[in-house]
Amino acid sequence: MKKTILKQYARLIAAEGGKVQKGQDVIIRASVEQPEFVRMVAEECYRCGARRVTVDWEYQPLSKLHLKACSLATLSQVPPWELARLEYQVDQLPVRIYLESDDPDGLRGINQTKNTKASQARYKVIKPYRDAMENKYQWCIAAVPGAAWAKKVFPGESRARAVEKLWEKILYTSRVSEGNDPVEAWEAHNRDLAARCAHLNGLQLASLEYRSSNGTDLRVGLIPDALFMGGSEQVLGRDVFFNPNIPTEEVFTSPQKGAAEGIVYSSKPLSYRGELIENFSVRFENGRAVEVHAEKGEALLREMLAMDEGAAYLGECALVPFESPVNQSGVLFYNTLFDENAACHLALGHGFTNVLRNFEQYTLQECYEKGINESMIHVDFMIGTRDLSITGVTRDGSRVPVFENGTWAF
């Protein structure tokens, strides 16, 4: 891939995704496979005025080794140096940039129960720090092709050609192309998403009804004070807007906890903790997932739903037209960042407090009391199909088409 194009992508991630400001610290998390592109992103962060850029290097095979070799007690610990680092992040609120490139099947075979118990133990310690930072800093998730991931997406190609083709798809879906200013393209895209949010918020919807020929028949209640959001987000108390996901095609909200009834069928595989869950369904009663089935990965799906009390409830309803650039790419990415932007999706677990109108006036506990779900996980899974219909029911009982034949009805 041409370096000029990659530099454009790096600039988009730093300037529009993370919206790095003068004097801010930046933390980049990336695989050791990606040193050259990480250098480009760091350089663009400095051009934006970053004070210091730190890189957290990761290597999936090494993570797998740790999970196998370390005891549960060791994996469950949050050592003092990590606590000090969290305290620094609460104090300095650095920009966080995550560059995904892992193999979707890279952790296959690990002891997922051991991994779950360790994560639950660590979460209890880390949660207060996460709560203290919520909505107060910029972050961005983007992607770089890893060799194993590329071969998963393009199994018939050589390794080098698979990586090149995955680069092409990532850049296309991220609105990066030669002779085009990606920052300007994203500003226009954000305006379109904002207009759709404004339309939906003007309808005063009380619930959404999903139906598809694959068997999906689901009703989800909405929080009266919750808004639909999409595209850029604002840092709490500051006039800074950033794009947390590159790419993104979704308009989303967090539904009312305890107000989901019916069954929904997945339309794409879900990559969770380095393994794939495929062809699955989830049935809800009183908002809670009470029955699941999967052709592949059912045990892992059940493990996910048992992470904590909120893991079996919905945290997000996201609307994505079936003709989105990600879906038009014709590729199944086996990566949630992309596949969630190919079709409508739901998320199990934690909801978004910032969808509440005037959320800054509430404590976190008050946001949860209003109906935002609380959990240690937030896992998106895709449900959009070519014939998906979504009907909105307004507070006065009127029925309004939101989606018809897998795309916007307005």
Protein backbone atom coordinates (compact mmCIF):
# COMPACT_ATOMS: atom_id res chain seq x y z
CA MET A 1 0.00 0.00 0.00
CA LYS A 2 1.29 3.47 -0.89
CA LYS A 3 2.78 5.34 2.05
CA THR A 4 1.02 8.54 0.97
CA ILE A 5 -2.36 6.83 1.48
CA LEU A 6 -1.30 5.30 4.80
CA LYS A 7 -0.18 8.71 6.03
CA GLN A 8 -3.62 10.09 5.15
CA TYR A 9 -5.19 7.29 7.19
CA ALA A 10 -2.82 7.97 10.11
CA ARG A 11 -3.74 11.66 9.97
CA LEU A 12 -7.44 10.78 10.01
CA ILE A 13 -6.99 8.61 13.11
CA ALA A 14 -5.05 11.27 15.02
CA ALA A 15 -6.78 14.45 13.86
CA GLU A 16 -10.39 13.30 13.43
CA GLY A 17 -10.60 10.02 15.36
CA GLY A 18 -8.70 10.87 18.54
CA LYS A 19 -8.91 14.64 17.91
CA VAL A 20 -5.57 15.06 19.65
CA GLN A 21 -5.20 18.51 21.20
CA LYS A 22 -2.08 20.55 21.91
CA GLY A 23 -0.39 19.45 25.13
CA GLN A 24 -2.30 16.16 25.45
CA ASP A 25 -0.69 12.81 26.12
CA VAL A 26 -1.60 9.91 23.83
CA ILE A 27 -1.53 6.15 24.43
CA ILE A 28 -1.59 3.89 21.37
CA ARG A 29 -2.33 0.18 21.77
CA ALA A 30 -1.14 -1.91 18.84
CA SER A 31 0.35 -5.22 17.77
CA VAL A 32 4.11 -5.67 17.43
CA GLU A 33 3.34 -6.59 13.80
CA GLN A 34 2.59 -2.93 13.01
CA PRO A 35 5.67 -0.82 13.90
CA GLU A 36 5.75 1.29 10.73
CA PHE A 37 2.08 2.32 10.79
CA VAL A 38 2.22 2.97 14.54
CA ARG A 39 5.15 5.31 13.88
CA MET A 40 3.00 7.15 11.31
CA VAL A 41 0.13 7.55 13.78
CA ALA A 42 2.51 8.75 16.51
CA GLU A 43 4.00 11.28 14.09
CA GLU A 44 0.54 12.63 13.24
CA CYS A 45 -0.30 12.87 16.96
CA TYR A 46 2.78 15.01 17.46
CA ARG A 47 1.77 17.16 14.49
CA CYS A 48 -1.54 17.75 16.27
CA GLY A 49 0.43 19.01 19.29
CA ALA A 50 0.66 15.91 21.49
CA ARG A 51 2.99 16.31 24.47
CA ARG A 52 4.00 12.65 24.61
CA VAL A 53 2.95 9.51 22.73
CA THR A 54 3.29 6.15 24.50
CA VAL A 55 2.78 2.79 22.77
CA ASP A 56 1.45 -0.31 24.51
CA TRP A 57 2.70 -3.18 22.34
CA GLU A 58 0.72 -6.41 22.21
CA TYR A 59 1.34 -9.82 20.66
CA GLN A 60 -1.61 -12.20 20.55
CA PRO A 61 0.43 -15.46 20.75
CA LEU A 62 2.12 -14.09 23.87
CA SER A 63 -1.27 -13.20 25.40
CA LYS A 64 -2.37 -16.77 24.72
CA LEU A 65 0.77 -18.09 26.41
CA HIS A 66 0.15 -15.96 29.50
CA LEU A 67 -3.43 -17.22 29.75
CA LYS A 68 -2.20 -20.80 29.58
CA ALA A 69 0.87 -20.56 31.84
CA CYS A 70 -0.23 -18.18 34.61
CA SER A 71 -2.38 -19.26 37.54
CA LEU A 72 -5.87 -17.86 38.00
CA ALA A 73 -4.63 -15.97 41.07
CA THR A 74 -1.86 -14.32 39.05
CA LEU A 75 -4.14 -13.43 36.14
CA SER A 76 -6.65 -11.93 38.58
CA GLN A 77 -4.18 -9.49 40.11
CA VAL A 78 -3.92 -5.79 39.29
CA PRO A 79 -0.31 -5.06 40.28
CA PRO A 80 0.70 -1.74 41.91
CA TRP A 81 2.36 -0.41 38.74
CA GLU A 82 -0.89 -0.90 36.84
CA LEU A 83 -2.86 0.91 39.54
CA ALA A 84 -0.38 3.79 39.36
CA ARG A 85 -0.86 3.89 35.61
CA LEU A 86 -4.65 4.01 36.02
CA GLU A 87 -4.29 6.86 38.51
CA TYR A 88 -2.20 8.74 35.95
CA GLN A 89 -4.88 8.22 33.31
CA VAL A 90 -7.61 9.52 35.62
CA ASP A 91 -5.47 12.57 36.34
CA GLN A 92 -4.20 13.31 32.81
CA LEU A 93 -7.02 11.86 30.65
CA PRO A 94 -4.76 10.90 27.73
CA VAL A 95 -6.20 10.22 24.28
CA ARG A 96 -6.50 6.46 23.74
CA ILE A 97 -5.99 5.03 20.23
CA TYR A 98 -6.59 1.32 19.64
CA LEU A 99 -5.27 -0.24 16.43
CA GLU A 100 -6.89 -3.65 15.92
CA SER A 101 -5.16 -6.34 13.88
CA ASP A 102 -5.59 -9.60 15.81
CA ASP A 103 -6.43 -13.01 14.35
CA PRO A 104 -10.20 -13.58 14.94
CA ASP A 105 -9.36 -17.17 15.97
CA GLY A 106 -6.09 -16.31 17.70
CA LEU A 107 -7.13 -17.36 21.21
CA ARG A 108 -8.91 -20.54 20.20
CA GLY A 109 -8.28 -23.31 22.71
CA ILE A 110 -7.67 -21.20 25.81
CA ASN A 111 -9.47 -21.93 29.05
CA GLN A 112 -12.29 -19.40 28.68
CA THR A 113 -13.65 -20.08 32.17
CA LYS A 114 -10.27 -19.20 33.65
CA ASN A 115 -10.12 -16.09 31.48
CA THR A 116 -13.63 -15.08 32.56
CA LYS A 117 -12.91 -15.45 36.28
CA ALA A 118 -9.70 -13.45 35.96
CA SER A 119 -11.48 -10.68 34.07
CA GLN A 120 -14.25 -10.54 36.67
CA ALA A 121 -11.72 -10.22 39.50
CA ARG A 122 -9.73 -7.49 37.74
CA TYR A 123 -12.86 -5.58 36.78
CA LYS A 124 -13.80 -5.05 40.43
CA VAL A 125 -10.50 -3.25 40.97
CA ILE A 126 -10.41 -1.34 37.68
CA LYS A 127 -14.06 -0.22 37.59
CA PRO A 128 -13.70 2.87 39.85
CA TYR A 129 -10.95 4.22 37.60
CA ARG A 130 -13.03 3.58 34.47
CA ASP A 131 -16.03 5.30 36.06
CA ALA A 132 -13.89 8.32 36.94
CA MET A 133 -12.86 8.72 33.27
CA GLU A 134 -16.19 7.98 31.58
CA ASN A 135 -17.08 10.54 28.88
CA LYS A 136 -14.11 12.74 29.87
CA TYR A 137 -11.49 11.78 27.27
CA GLN A 138 -11.10 11.10 23.53
CA TRP A 139 -10.60 7.62 22.17
CA CYS A 140 -10.60 5.97 18.76
CA ILE A 141 -10.64 2.38 17.52
CA ALA A 142 -9.28 1.79 14.02
CA ALA A 143 -7.67 -1.18 12.27
CA VAL A 144 -4.47 -2.33 10.58
CA PRO A 145 -4.27 -5.65 8.70
CA GLY A 146 -2.59 -8.45 10.62
CA ALA A 147 -1.30 -11.31 8.47
CA ALA A 148 -3.41 -14.00 10.17
CA TRP A 149 -6.52 -11.79 10.10
CA ALA A 150 -5.97 -11.04 6.40
CA LYS A 151 -5.65 -14.75 5.58
CA LYS A 152 -8.89 -15.41 7.48
CA VAL A 153 -10.69 -12.83 5.32
CA PHE A 154 -8.96 -13.85 2.05
CA PRO A 155 -8.00 -17.52 2.51
CA GLY A 156 -7.27 -18.11 -1.18
CA GLU A 157 -4.64 -15.40 -1.44
CA SER A 158 -0.95 -15.39 -0.58
CA ARG A 159 -0.14 -13.76 2.74
CA ALA A 160 1.22 -10.59 1.12
CA ARG A 161 -1.70 -10.27 -1.28
CA ALA A 162 -4.22 -10.94 1.51
CA VAL A 163 -2.73 -8.12 3.59
CA GLU A 164 -2.82 -5.77 0.60
CA LYS A 165 -6.46 -6.60 -0.14
CA LEU A 166 -7.45 -6.11 3.50
CA TRP A 167 -5.70 -2.74 3.48
CA GLU A 168 -7.78 -1.80 0.42
CA LYS A 169 -11.03 -2.71 2.19
CA ILE A 170 -10.08 -0.96 5.44
CA LEU A 171 -9.20 2.26 3.62
CA TYR A 172 -12.33 2.11 1.42
CA THR A 173 -14.67 1.70 4.38
CA SER A 174 -12.79 4.43 6.27
CA ARG A 175 -13.31 6.92 3.41
CA VAL A 176 -9.59 7.20 2.65
CA SER A 177 -8.59 7.36 -1.00
CA GLU A 178 -5.96 8.97 -3.20
CA GLY A 179 -6.74 12.56 -4.10
CA ASN A 180 -9.42 12.81 -1.40
CA ASP A 181 -9.18 14.61 1.95
CA PRO A 182 -10.42 12.01 4.47
CA VAL A 183 -10.93 14.60 7.22
CA GLU A 184 -13.30 16.58 4.98
CA ALA A 185 -15.06 13.35 3.98
CA TRP A 186 -15.60 12.49 7.64
CA GLU A 187 -16.90 15.95 8.47
CA ALA A 188 -19.54 15.51 5.75
CA HIS A 189 -20.32 12.00 6.98
CA ASN A 190 -20.77 13.28 10.53
CA ARG A 191 -23.24 15.90 9.29
CA ASP A 192 -25.33 13.22 7.56
CA LEU A 193 -25.42 11.04 10.68
CA ALA A 194 -26.34 14.06 12.82
CA ALA A 195 -29.28 14.84 10.53
CA ARG A 196 -30.60 11.28 10.83
CA CYS A 197 -30.27 11.45 14.63
CA ALA A 198 -32.20 14.72 14.68
CA HIS A 199 -35.04 13.15 12.67
CA LEU A 200 -35.28 10.13 14.97
CA ASN A 201 -35.09 12.24 18.11
CA GLY A 202 -37.97 14.35 16.81
CA LEU A 203 -40.25 11.29 16.58
CA GLN A 204 -40.35 10.75 20.38
CA LEU A 205 -40.14 6.98 20.05
CA ALA A 206 -41.12 4.70 22.92
CA SER A 207 -40.02 1.40 21.35
CA LEU A 208 -38.57 -0.31 18.28
CA GLU A 209 -40.00 -3.48 16.68
CA TYR A 210 -37.63 -5.67 14.62
CA ARG A 211 -38.83 -8.28 12.12
CA SER A 212 -37.01 -10.35 9.50
CA SER A 213 -37.72 -13.51 7.51
CA ASN A 214 -34.94 -15.34 9.37
CA GLY A 215 -37.20 -15.44 12.44
CA THR A 216 -36.25 -12.22 14.19
CA ASP A 217 -39.28 -10.85 16.04
CA LEU A 218 -38.19 -8.49 18.81
CA ARG A 219 -39.58 -5.47 20.64
CA VAL A 220 -37.20 -3.17 22.52
CA GLY A 221 -38.34 -0.36 24.82
CA LEU A 222 -36.55 2.99 24.80
CA ILE A 223 -35.69 5.36 27.64
CA PRO A 224 -37.81 8.54 27.48
CA ASP A 225 -34.77 10.77 28.11
CA ALA A 226 -32.43 8.91 25.72
CA LEU A 227 -31.30 10.33 22.39
CA PHE A 228 -30.07 8.70 19.19
CA MET A 229 -26.43 9.49 18.49
CA GLY A 230 -23.99 8.81 15.65
CA GLY A 231 -20.63 9.87 14.28
CA SER A 232 -18.61 12.27 16.40
CA GLU A 233 -19.03 12.58 20.17
CA GLN A 234 -18.26 15.47 22.53
CA VAL A 235 -15.92 15.28 25.49
CA LEU A 236 -17.77 16.11 28.70
CA GLY A 237 -17.37 19.79 29.58
CA ARG A 238 -15.13 20.62 26.60
CA ASP A 239 -15.73 21.83 23.05
CA VAL A 240 -13.89 18.83 21.57
CA PHE A 241 -15.58 16.39 19.19
CA PHE A 242 -13.92 13.08 18.29
CA ASN A 243 -14.81 9.96 16.30
CA PRO A 244 -14.53 6.87 18.53
CA ASN A 245 -14.90 4.38 15.66
CA ILE A 246 -13.27 4.43 12.22
CA PRO A 247 -15.23 3.31 10.28
CA THR A 248 -18.72 4.01 11.57
CA GLU A 249 -22.09 3.96 9.83
CA GLU A 250 -24.38 3.60 12.84
CA VAL A 251 -27.02 5.68 14.53
CA PHE A 252 -27.48 4.26 18.01
CA THR A 253 -29.05 4.61 21.43
CA SER A 254 -29.13 2.66 24.67
CA PRO A 255 -32.49 0.99 25.33
CA GLN A 256 -34.45 0.69 28.56
CA LYS A 257 -33.03 -2.08 30.73
CA GLY A 258 -35.63 -4.79 31.25
CA ALA A 259 -37.73 -3.85 28.20
CA ALA A 260 -36.89 -6.38 25.48
CA GLU A 261 -39.22 -9.18 24.42
CA GLY A 262 -38.88 -11.75 21.65
CA ILE A 263 -36.16 -13.46 19.67
CA VAL A 264 -33.38 -12.22 17.42
CA TYR A 265 -31.12 -14.12 15.02
CA SER A 266 -27.54 -13.18 14.18
CA SER A 267 -26.71 -12.31 10.58
CA LYS A 268 -22.90 -12.46 10.85
CA PRO A 269 -20.36 -14.34 13.00
CA LEU A 270 -19.26 -12.73 16.26
CA SER A 271 -15.58 -12.68 17.19
CA TYR A 272 -15.40 -12.69 20.99
CA ARG A 273 -12.23 -13.17 23.01
CA GLY A 274 -10.32 -14.55 20.08
CA GLU A 275 -12.95 -17.14 19.09
CA LEU A 276 -15.91 -17.14 16.70
CA ILE A 277 -19.57 -17.57 17.64
CA GLU A 278 -21.66 -18.37 14.55
CA ASN A 279 -25.33 -18.73 13.53
CA PHE A 280 -26.83 -17.97 16.92
CA SER A 281 -30.10 -16.73 18.35
CA VAL A 282 -31.01 -14.95 21.58
CA ARG A 283 -34.46 -14.93 23.17
CA PHE A 284 -35.39 -12.17 25.62
CA GLU A 285 -37.97 -12.06 28.40
CA ASN A 286 -38.40 -8.96 30.57
CA GLY A 287 -35.27 -7.59 28.96
CA ARG A 288 -33.04 -10.50 29.88
CA ALA A 289 -31.50 -13.07 27.52
CA VAL A 290 -33.06 -16.29 28.79
CA GLU A 291 -32.29 -18.71 25.94
CA VAL A 292 -29.45 -18.91 23.41
CA HIS A 293 -28.49 -21.34 20.67
CA ALA A 294 -25.47 -21.33 18.37
CA GLU A 295 -24.12 -23.67 15.71
CA LYS A 296 -20.59 -22.79 16.82
CA GLY A 297 -19.40 -21.28 20.09
CA GLU A 298 -22.56 -21.75 22.16
CA ALA A 299 -20.59 -22.45 25.35
CA LEU A 300 -18.61 -19.24 24.86
CA LEU A 301 -21.85 -17.31 24.26
CA ARG A 302 -23.25 -18.63 27.55
CA GLU A 303 -19.97 -17.73 29.28
CA MET A 304 -20.32 -14.19 27.97
CA LEU A 305 -23.89 -13.83 29.25
CA ALA A 306 -22.78 -14.96 32.72
CA MET A 307 -20.00 -12.37 33.09
CA ASP A 308 -22.12 -10.33 35.49
CA GLU A 309 -25.74 -9.40 36.19
CA GLY A 310 -25.93 -6.87 33.34
CA ALA A 311 -24.29 -9.04 30.67
CA ALA A 312 -27.61 -10.66 29.71
CA TYR A 313 -29.33 -7.31 29.09
CA LEU A 314 -29.11 -5.00 26.09
CA GLY A 315 -26.86 -1.95 26.19
CA GLU A 316 -27.27 -0.68 22.62
CA CYS A 317 -29.58 -0.62 19.61
CA ALA A 318 -27.75 0.49 16.46
CA LEU A 319 -29.25 1.25 13.06
CA VAL A 320 -27.04 0.66 10.00
CA PRO A 321 -28.34 0.58 6.39
CA PHE A 322 -27.67 -2.64 4.51
CA GLU A 323 -26.01 -0.69 1.68
CA SER A 324 -23.36 0.79 3.98
CA PRO A 325 -19.81 0.98 2.51
CA VAL A 326 -18.76 -1.88 4.79
CA ASN A 327 -21.48 -4.14 3.40
CA GLN A 328 -20.83 -2.91 -0.15
CA SER A 329 -17.21 -4.02 0.25
CA GLY A 330 -18.51 -7.59 -0.08
CA VAL A 331 -16.22 -8.78 2.69
CA LEU A 332 -16.96 -10.53 5.97
CA PHE A 333 -14.26 -9.05 8.20
CA TYR A 334 -14.66 -11.35 11.24
CA ASN A 335 -14.08 -8.18 13.25
CA THR A 336 -16.79 -6.34 15.16
CA LEU A 337 -15.45 -2.86 14.33
CA PHE A 338 -16.26 -3.51 10.67
CA ASP A 339 -19.03 -6.09 10.72
CA GLU A 340 -21.16 -4.00 13.12
CA ASN A 341 -21.05 -1.24 10.51
CA ALA A 342 -22.27 -3.54 7.77
CA ALA A 343 -25.73 -4.07 9.25
CA CYS A 344 -28.00 -3.24 12.14
CA HIS A 345 -26.79 -4.62 15.44
CA LEU A 346 -27.53 -4.91 19.12
CA ALA A 347 -25.09 -5.03 22.02
CA LEU A 348 -25.25 -7.07 25.17
CA GLY A 349 -23.89 -5.45 28.31
CA HIS A 350 -22.97 -1.90 29.22
CA GLY A 351 -25.01 1.01 27.90
CA PHE A 352 -23.95 4.55 27.07
CA THR A 353 -24.69 7.14 29.74
CA ASN A 354 -24.06 10.01 27.35
CA VAL A 355 -27.17 9.21 25.29
CA LEU A 356 -29.27 10.63 28.12
CA ARG A 357 -30.40 14.19 27.63
CA ASN A 358 -28.42 16.41 30.05
CA PHE A 359 -26.47 13.35 31.22
CA GLU A 360 -23.78 15.60 32.71
CA GLN A 361 -26.26 16.59 35.42
CA TYR A 362 -26.57 13.02 36.70
CA THR A 363 -24.31 10.73 38.66
CA LEU A 364 -23.49 7.36 37.13
CA GLN A 365 -25.86 5.71 39.57
CA GLU A 366 -28.67 8.04 38.52
CA CYS A 367 -28.00 7.14 34.86
CA TYR A 368 -28.36 3.47 35.73
CA GLU A 369 -31.57 4.18 37.63
CA LYS A 370 -32.99 5.86 34.52
CA GLY A 371 -32.54 2.57 32.62
CA ILE A 372 -28.97 2.51 31.26
CA ASN A 373 -27.61 -1.01 31.66
CA GLU A 374 -24.44 -1.53 33.70
CA SER A 375 -22.00 -4.35 32.93
CA MET A 376 -18.31 -5.13 32.56
CA ILE A 377 -18.87 -6.14 28.92
CA HIS A 378 -20.22 -4.44 25.81
CA VAL A 379 -20.44 -6.92 22.92
CA ASP A 380 -22.03 -5.98 19.59
CA PHE A 381 -23.64 -8.65 17.43
CA MET A 382 -25.08 -8.21 13.97
CA ILE A 383 -28.76 -8.77 13.15
CA GLY A 384 -29.30 -6.74 9.95
CA THR A 385 -30.58 -8.52 6.82
CA ARG A 386 -31.73 -7.43 3.38
CA ASP A 387 -35.38 -7.71 4.46
CA LEU A 388 -35.13 -6.38 8.01
CA SER A 389 -37.93 -4.01 8.96
CA ILE A 390 -37.89 -1.77 12.03
CA THR A 391 -41.03 0.02 13.15
CA GLY A 392 -40.94 2.78 15.70
CA VAL A 393 -43.81 3.16 18.12
CA THR A 394 -44.16 6.73 19.37
CA ARG A 395 -45.20 7.78 22.85
CA ASP A 396 -48.70 8.55 21.58
CA GLY A 397 -49.01 5.07 20.02
CA SER A 398 -48.39 5.97 16.38
CA ARG A 399 -46.39 3.54 14.25
CA VAL A 400 -43.59 4.98 12.12
CA PRO A 401 -41.43 3.01 9.64
CA VAL A 402 -37.74 3.43 10.53
CA PHE A 403 -36.24 0.69 8.33
CA GLU A 404 -37.72 -1.05 5.29
CA ASN A 405 -35.95 -3.81 3.35
CA GLY A 406 -32.81 -3.38 5.39
CA THR A 407 -32.38 0.36 4.91
CA TRP A 408 -33.67 3.73 6.07
CA ALA A 409 -37.38 4.33 5.51
CA PHE A 410 -36.83 8.10 5.49
